[in-house]
Protein backbone atom coordinates (compact mmCIF):
# COMPACT_ATOMS: atom_id res chain seq x y z
CA MET A 1 -9.59 3.68 21.99
CA GLY A 2 -8.36 3.93 18.41
CA GLU A 3 -9.41 1.87 15.41
CA VAL A 4 -8.80 1.21 11.75
CA VAL A 5 -11.79 2.63 9.88
CA GLY A 6 -10.81 1.42 6.40
CA ALA A 7 -7.97 -0.13 4.43
CA GLY A 8 -6.90 -0.46 0.83
CA LEU A 9 -4.58 -2.35 -1.49
CA ILE A 10 -3.77 0.54 -3.82
CA ALA A 11 -1.67 0.88 -6.99
CA HIS A 12 0.84 3.72 -7.11
CA VAL A 13 2.16 3.23 -10.67
CA PRO A 14 4.00 6.20 -12.25
CA THR A 15 1.53 6.49 -15.13
CA ILE A 16 -1.15 7.88 -12.81
CA VAL A 17 0.74 11.18 -12.47
CA LEU A 18 1.55 11.54 -16.18
CA PRO A 19 -0.47 14.08 -18.22
CA GLU A 20 -3.68 12.61 -19.62
CA GLU A 21 -2.53 12.95 -23.24
CA ILE A 22 0.53 10.85 -22.52
CA ARG A 23 -1.49 8.23 -20.66
CA ARG A 24 -3.83 7.95 -23.65
CA GLU A 25 -0.90 7.75 -26.06
CA LEU A 26 0.50 4.80 -24.09
CA ASN A 27 -2.91 3.09 -23.91
CA ASN A 28 -4.23 3.12 -27.47
CA GLY A 29 -6.24 6.31 -26.95
CA GLU A 30 -7.90 5.21 -23.71
CA ASP A 31 -7.19 6.57 -20.26
CA SER A 32 -6.14 4.35 -17.38
CA THR A 33 -9.00 3.46 -15.05
CA LEU A 34 -6.48 3.58 -12.20
CA VAL A 35 -6.74 7.37 -12.44
CA SER A 36 -10.53 7.57 -12.45
CA GLY A 37 -10.54 4.91 -9.74
CA LEU A 38 -8.44 7.07 -7.45
CA HIS A 39 -10.70 10.08 -8.06
CA GLN A 40 -13.71 7.93 -7.18
CA LEU A 41 -11.97 6.59 -4.07
CA ARG A 42 -11.25 10.16 -2.99
CA ARG A 43 -14.91 11.18 -3.41
CA GLU A 44 -16.45 8.11 -1.80
CA VAL A 45 -13.97 7.42 1.00
CA PHE A 46 -11.32 10.03 1.75
CA ASP A 47 -13.66 13.01 1.51
CA VAL A 48 -16.37 11.25 3.53
CA LEU A 49 -14.89 9.09 6.29
CA ASP A 50 -14.02 10.42 9.72
CA TYR A 51 -10.30 9.68 10.21
CA ASP A 52 -7.20 11.30 11.67
CA THR A 53 -4.20 9.55 10.14
CA VAL A 54 -3.28 7.64 7.00
CA VAL A 55 -0.58 4.97 7.38
CA VAL A 56 1.07 4.08 4.07
CA LEU A 57 2.69 0.66 3.91
CA ASP A 58 5.23 1.67 1.28
CA SER A 59 6.46 -1.16 -0.96
CA HIS A 60 9.15 1.06 -2.53
CA TRP A 61 10.93 1.88 0.71
CA ALA A 62 13.16 -1.10 1.49
CA THR A 63 14.92 -1.19 4.86
CA THR A 64 17.30 -3.95 5.96
CA VAL A 65 17.74 -4.55 9.71
CA GLU A 66 14.42 -3.23 11.04
CA PHE A 67 11.09 -1.78 10.03
CA VAL A 68 11.10 2.02 10.02
CA VAL A 69 8.15 4.37 10.54
CA THR A 70 8.30 8.07 9.75
CA ALA A 71 8.00 10.33 12.80
CA GLN A 72 8.44 13.88 11.47
CA ASP A 73 6.03 16.63 12.49
CA ARG A 74 5.68 17.51 8.81
CA ARG A 75 7.04 16.32 5.47
CA ALA A 76 7.25 18.80 2.62
CA GLY A 77 9.38 19.34 -0.45
CA LEU A 78 9.75 18.46 -4.11
CA PHE A 79 9.94 14.85 -5.19
CA THR A 80 11.95 13.62 -8.16
CA SER A 81 12.07 9.87 -8.63
CA GLU A 82 15.47 8.22 -8.89
CA GLU A 83 13.76 5.44 -10.86
CA LEU A 84 11.76 7.50 -13.36
CA PRO A 85 12.92 11.13 -13.19
CA ARG A 86 11.50 11.98 -16.61
CA GLY A 87 7.94 11.18 -15.54
CA MET A 88 8.05 12.17 -11.87
CA CYS A 89 10.05 15.37 -11.58
CA ARG A 90 9.86 18.08 -8.88
CA ARG A 91 6.39 17.11 -7.73
CA PRO A 92 5.39 19.02 -4.57
CA TYR A 93 4.17 17.31 -1.42
CA ASP A 94 3.25 18.79 1.96
CA PHE A 95 1.47 17.01 4.80
CA PRO A 96 1.59 16.77 8.60
CA GLY A 97 2.98 13.65 10.23
CA ASP A 98 1.87 11.85 13.38
CA PRO A 99 4.95 11.46 15.63
CA GLU A 100 2.87 10.25 18.56
CA LEU A 101 1.41 7.34 16.62
CA ALA A 102 4.77 6.58 14.98
CA HIS A 103 6.49 6.19 18.35
CA ALA A 104 3.57 4.16 19.67
CA ILE A 105 4.01 1.73 16.76
CA ALA A 106 7.74 1.43 17.46
CA ASP A 107 7.05 0.87 21.14
CA GLN A 108 5.08 -2.27 20.26
CA ALA A 109 8.10 -4.01 18.70
CA ASP A 110 9.18 -6.03 21.73
CA ASN A 111 5.61 -7.21 22.32
CA HIS A 112 5.64 -8.82 18.89
CA GLY A 113 9.19 -10.10 18.62
CA THR A 114 10.31 -7.68 15.94
CA TRP A 115 12.29 -4.48 15.39
CA ILE A 116 10.64 -1.15 14.60
CA THR A 117 12.30 2.26 14.76
CA ALA A 118 10.61 5.67 14.51
CA ILE A 119 12.78 8.15 12.56
CA ASP A 120 12.15 11.92 12.58
CA ASP A 121 15.09 12.96 10.34
CA ASN A 122 13.81 15.56 7.85
CA ASN A 123 16.40 14.33 5.33
CA LEU A 124 14.88 10.85 5.25
CA PRO A 125 14.05 10.07 1.59
CA ILE A 126 10.45 9.75 0.47
CA PHE A 127 9.16 7.47 -2.26
CA TYR A 128 6.45 7.70 -4.89
CA ALA A 129 4.54 4.81 -3.35
CA THR A 130 3.67 7.44 -0.75
CA THR A 131 3.67 10.72 -2.68
CA ASN A 132 1.64 9.52 -5.68
CA LEU A 133 -1.16 8.35 -3.42
CA TRP A 134 -1.05 11.53 -1.34
CA GLU A 135 -1.46 13.63 -4.52
CA PHE A 136 -4.78 11.91 -5.25
CA LEU A 137 -6.06 11.08 -1.78
CA GLY A 138 -4.52 13.60 0.59
CA ALA A 139 -3.78 16.88 -1.18
CA GLY A 140 -6.23 19.58 -0.12
CA LEU A 141 -6.97 17.90 3.22
CA PRO A 142 -4.48 19.79 5.42
CA ASP A 143 -5.66 18.38 8.74
CA LYS A 144 -5.13 14.74 7.78
CA LYS A 145 -1.84 13.25 9.00
CA TRP A 146 0.20 10.88 6.83
CA ILE A 147 2.98 8.55 7.92
CA SER A 148 4.78 5.74 6.09
CA ILE A 149 6.24 2.39 7.09
CA GLY A 150 8.80 0.76 4.82
CA VAL A 151 8.99 -2.89 3.87
CA CYS A 152 12.04 -4.70 5.24
CA GLN A 153 13.92 -6.59 2.55
CA THR A 154 15.12 -9.26 5.02
CA ALA A 155 11.61 -9.86 6.39
CA ASP A 156 9.64 -13.01 5.66
CA MET A 157 5.88 -13.48 5.79
CA GLU A 158 5.82 -13.91 9.57
CA ASP A 159 7.92 -10.77 10.07
CA ASN A 160 5.49 -8.75 7.97
CA LEU A 161 2.53 -10.09 9.91
CA ARG A 162 4.27 -9.22 13.18
CA LEU A 163 4.73 -5.64 11.99
CA GLY A 164 1.02 -5.55 11.18
CA ARG A 165 0.08 -6.90 14.59
CA ALA A 166 2.24 -4.25 16.26
CA LEU A 167 0.63 -1.59 14.08
CA GLY A 168 -2.87 -2.79 14.95
CA ASP A 169 -2.16 -2.87 18.67
CA ALA A 170 -0.62 0.62 18.58
CA ILE A 171 -3.68 2.01 16.82
CA ALA A 172 -6.05 0.29 19.26
CA ALA A 173 -4.18 1.78 22.22
CA SER A 174 -4.29 5.28 20.73
CA ASP A 175 -7.12 7.73 20.20
CA ARG A 176 -6.64 7.69 16.42
CA LYS A 177 -9.03 6.75 13.64
CA VAL A 178 -6.74 5.37 10.94
CA LEU A 179 -6.83 4.44 7.27
CA LEU A 180 -4.28 1.88 6.08
CA LEU A 181 -2.93 2.00 2.53
CA ALA A 182 -1.01 -1.05 1.32
CA SER A 183 0.71 0.75 -1.54
CA GLY A 184 1.91 -1.67 -4.17
CA ALA A 185 1.22 -4.15 -6.93
CA MET A 186 0.18 -7.77 -7.17
CA SER A 187 2.29 -9.91 -9.59
CA HIS A 188 5.34 -7.85 -10.41
CA THR A 189 7.63 -8.89 -13.26
CA PHE A 190 8.67 -6.23 -15.76
CA TRP A 191 9.18 -6.85 -19.45
CA PRO A 192 12.85 -6.61 -20.51
CA LEU A 193 14.01 -3.21 -21.71
CA ARG A 194 14.05 -4.04 -25.44
CA GLN A 195 10.42 -5.25 -25.19
CA ILE A 196 9.00 -2.97 -22.53
CA ARG A 197 7.65 -0.30 -24.92
CA ASP A 198 5.51 -2.94 -26.63
CA HIS A 199 3.69 -3.56 -23.34
CA GLU A 200 2.79 -0.13 -21.95
CA ALA A 201 -0.95 -0.39 -22.56
CA ALA A 202 -3.27 -1.34 -19.70
CA GLY A 203 -4.73 -4.51 -21.22
CA VAL A 204 -4.42 -7.76 -19.29
CA GLU A 205 -2.79 -9.38 -22.32
CA HIS A 206 0.33 -7.35 -21.46
CA ILE A 207 0.77 -8.89 -18.00
CA PHE A 208 4.13 -10.71 -18.05
CA THR A 209 2.59 -14.18 -18.27
CA PRO A 210 -0.97 -15.48 -18.50
CA ALA A 211 -0.26 -17.53 -15.37
CA ALA A 212 0.65 -14.38 -13.43
CA ALA A 213 -2.60 -12.71 -14.49
CA ALA A 214 -4.54 -15.84 -13.55
CA ALA A 215 -2.93 -15.87 -10.09
CA ASP A 216 -3.88 -12.23 -9.60
CA PHE A 217 -7.48 -12.81 -10.70
CA GLU A 218 -7.76 -15.80 -8.37
CA ARG A 219 -6.78 -13.58 -5.44
CA LEU A 220 -9.09 -10.80 -6.60
CA ASP A 221 -11.96 -13.30 -6.30
CA TRP A 222 -10.83 -14.23 -2.78
CA PHE A 223 -10.56 -10.58 -1.76
CA ALA A 224 -14.06 -9.93 -3.09
CA ALA A 225 -15.32 -12.83 -0.96
CA GLY A 226 -13.40 -11.65 2.11
CA ASP A 227 -11.34 -14.85 2.11
CA HIS A 228 -8.07 -13.44 3.44
CA ALA A 229 -7.30 -16.80 5.08
CA ARG A 230 -7.00 -18.39 1.66
CA VAL A 231 -4.75 -15.60 0.40
CA LEU A 232 -2.46 -16.18 3.36
CA ASP A 233 -2.57 -19.97 3.08
CA THR A 234 -1.43 -19.81 -0.57
CA MET A 235 1.34 -17.23 -0.28
CA ASP A 236 4.02 -19.77 -1.23
CA GLU A 237 2.18 -20.33 -4.52
CA PHE A 238 1.82 -16.60 -5.12
CA TYR A 239 5.51 -15.97 -4.52
CA LYS A 240 6.17 -17.80 -7.82
CA PHE A 241 4.75 -14.71 -9.55
CA LYS A 242 6.98 -12.27 -7.65
CA PRO A 243 4.37 -10.02 -6.01
CA GLU A 244 5.82 -6.58 -5.35
CA ALA A 245 7.96 -6.48 -2.18
CA ARG A 246 6.99 -10.14 -1.58
CA PHE A 247 3.51 -8.74 -0.92
CA GLY A 248 4.82 -7.20 2.29
CA HIS A 249 2.52 -4.19 1.97
CA TYR A 250 -0.57 -6.43 1.98
CA LEU A 251 0.79 -8.72 4.70
CA MET A 252 1.47 -5.79 7.02
CA MET A 253 -2.03 -4.47 6.37
CA ILE A 254 -3.78 -7.76 6.99
CA GLY A 255 -1.65 -8.39 10.08
CA ALA A 256 -3.21 -5.25 11.55
CA LEU A 257 -6.71 -6.38 10.53
CA GLY A 258 -6.74 -9.83 12.10
CA GLU A 259 -5.16 -11.97 9.35
CA GLY A 260 -7.34 -14.94 8.42
CA ASP A 261 -9.98 -13.87 10.93
CA CYS A 262 -10.62 -10.78 8.81
CA ARG A 263 -13.59 -11.26 6.48
CA ALA A 264 -13.69 -7.76 5.01
CA THR A 265 -14.73 -7.88 1.36
CA SER A 266 -13.16 -5.70 -1.30
CA ARG A 267 -14.62 -3.03 -3.56
CA MET A 268 -12.66 -2.40 -6.75
CA TYR A 269 -12.06 1.14 -8.00
CA GLY A 270 -11.26 1.07 -11.70
CA ARG A 271 -10.20 -2.18 -13.35
CA TYR A 272 -7.30 -4.56 -12.90
CA GLU A 273 -4.61 -3.27 -15.29
CA ASN A 274 -1.18 -3.99 -16.64
CA SER A 275 1.80 -1.73 -16.06
CA VAL A 276 4.74 -2.93 -18.19
CA GLY A 277 4.14 -6.53 -17.11
CA THR A 278 2.89 -6.02 -13.54
CA GLY A 279 -0.60 -6.45 -12.11
CA GLN A 280 -2.15 -3.27 -10.71
CA VAL A 281 -5.47 -2.68 -8.93
CA HIS A 282 -7.24 -0.48 -6.38
CA LEU A 283 -9.16 -2.45 -3.75
CA TRP A 284 -10.91 -0.97 -0.71
CA PHE A 285 -11.91 -2.90 2.43
CA ASP A 286 -14.59 -1.15 4.44
CA ARG A 287 -14.68 -1.44 8.21
CA PRO A 288 -16.96 -4.40 9.03
CA GLU A 289 -19.87 -4.00 11.41
CA GLY A 290 -18.30 -4.08 14.85
CA GLY A 291 -14.85 -3.24 13.53
CA PHE A 292 -11.94 -5.27 12.18
CA PRO A 293 -10.84 -8.24 14.30
CA ARG A 294 -8.12 -7.50 16.83
CA PRO A 295 -4.61 -8.43 15.68
CA ARG A 296 -3.48 -11.86 16.71
CA ARG A 297 -0.96 -12.09 19.54
CA THR A 298 2.60 -13.03 18.68
CA ALA A 299 4.41 -15.69 20.67
CA VAL A 300 7.41 -13.47 21.35
CA GLU A 301 10.45 -15.16 19.87
CA VAL A 302 13.36 -13.22 18.42
């Protein structure tokens, strides 16, 4: 029987792959703690835990009529970002996939009243919400499999939770030990172009509004207390601050971990930081004693 052995809400911001001198230039001579936080997470979690597969819940990959999970035997190539080609250009990636798990996730769709397709096309685009995290957490670990699931831009909160439930059930029915990475931000409003270069430093004062920062900090307290039920109960309030991908990456993750029944507390790696108006943080949720709660069952309605 498979299980989730750890999960994280992890920032993938482009600055983490910039040269250190450029990061310090943008941040008043200081380096971003998101970089040191990822190095620490690698040492304390990814180099230590026993796991087979990493599932990235990729907030940059937006599908439309279904959720899609990658099912290639291997993904390798050079990544240049269409969004920021000057900062992320021809960056190599190379990791094995997990087609068996990908198809098992897709096979759970009907059980949860949703649509999930496994795609093994080697020409399927890849996004830096996956590759940036692999560079820090997966490179040099050739036996660890990585797959990605995109957010669906027509999905609402319930749809995202259903994907998570399907994911959790597929893992439980497998023989895999899995890490989940909800790759994305918290509040997510960028400064306008003519102002954006005045807000590239990491300080909280550069978050788009004080209210957005306050909403993020409120949820950071709830994560630290393991109060995922409160996070879920207040999603309508949080949507006012435009969390990245409508927080689909987190919702899919917590759907796999039991939703409000999950009491896993967070550990922060690095500090909460600004990225041109958006709220960024690395949080890790260790496997509780006895494992994460089983995903809730969906009343199957399409």
